[in-house]
Amino acid sequence: MYIALKIRAKSVYHGYDEDGKLIIDPVPSANFVEKIIKLDRILSFTEDYIFIECPHDTVQTWEYEGSIDDIKGKLTSIGALI
C-alpha cells in the first residue's frame, strides 16, 4: 500500500558514532514535492515529521503539508490505521 503526500526532506540519521552520539546530516530545505510513499517504509508520524526507513541503514525525517489528522484520515480510509 502507498500514500501520496507533499513532503520536504529535513534530516538524515546515520546511526551513532563511537561516543554514542547520534550522527545527523541536515538536508538543505527545498520546496515541497509530491511523493508516493510505500507504507512499509514509514516508521512513524509526528505533528511535524514523517520518519522514513531508507537504504544503507539510514532514517530520514521529512516535513509534510497538512496535519496529522489529514494523515490519520488517509490511513483510516484504506484500513491502515487501527
Foldseek 3Di string as FASTA:
>chain_A
DKDKFFKWWFKKWQAADPVRDTDIDGDPTDGTDIDIGDPVQWPDDDQFWTWGQDPPRMIIIIGTPDGVVVVVVVCVVVPNHD
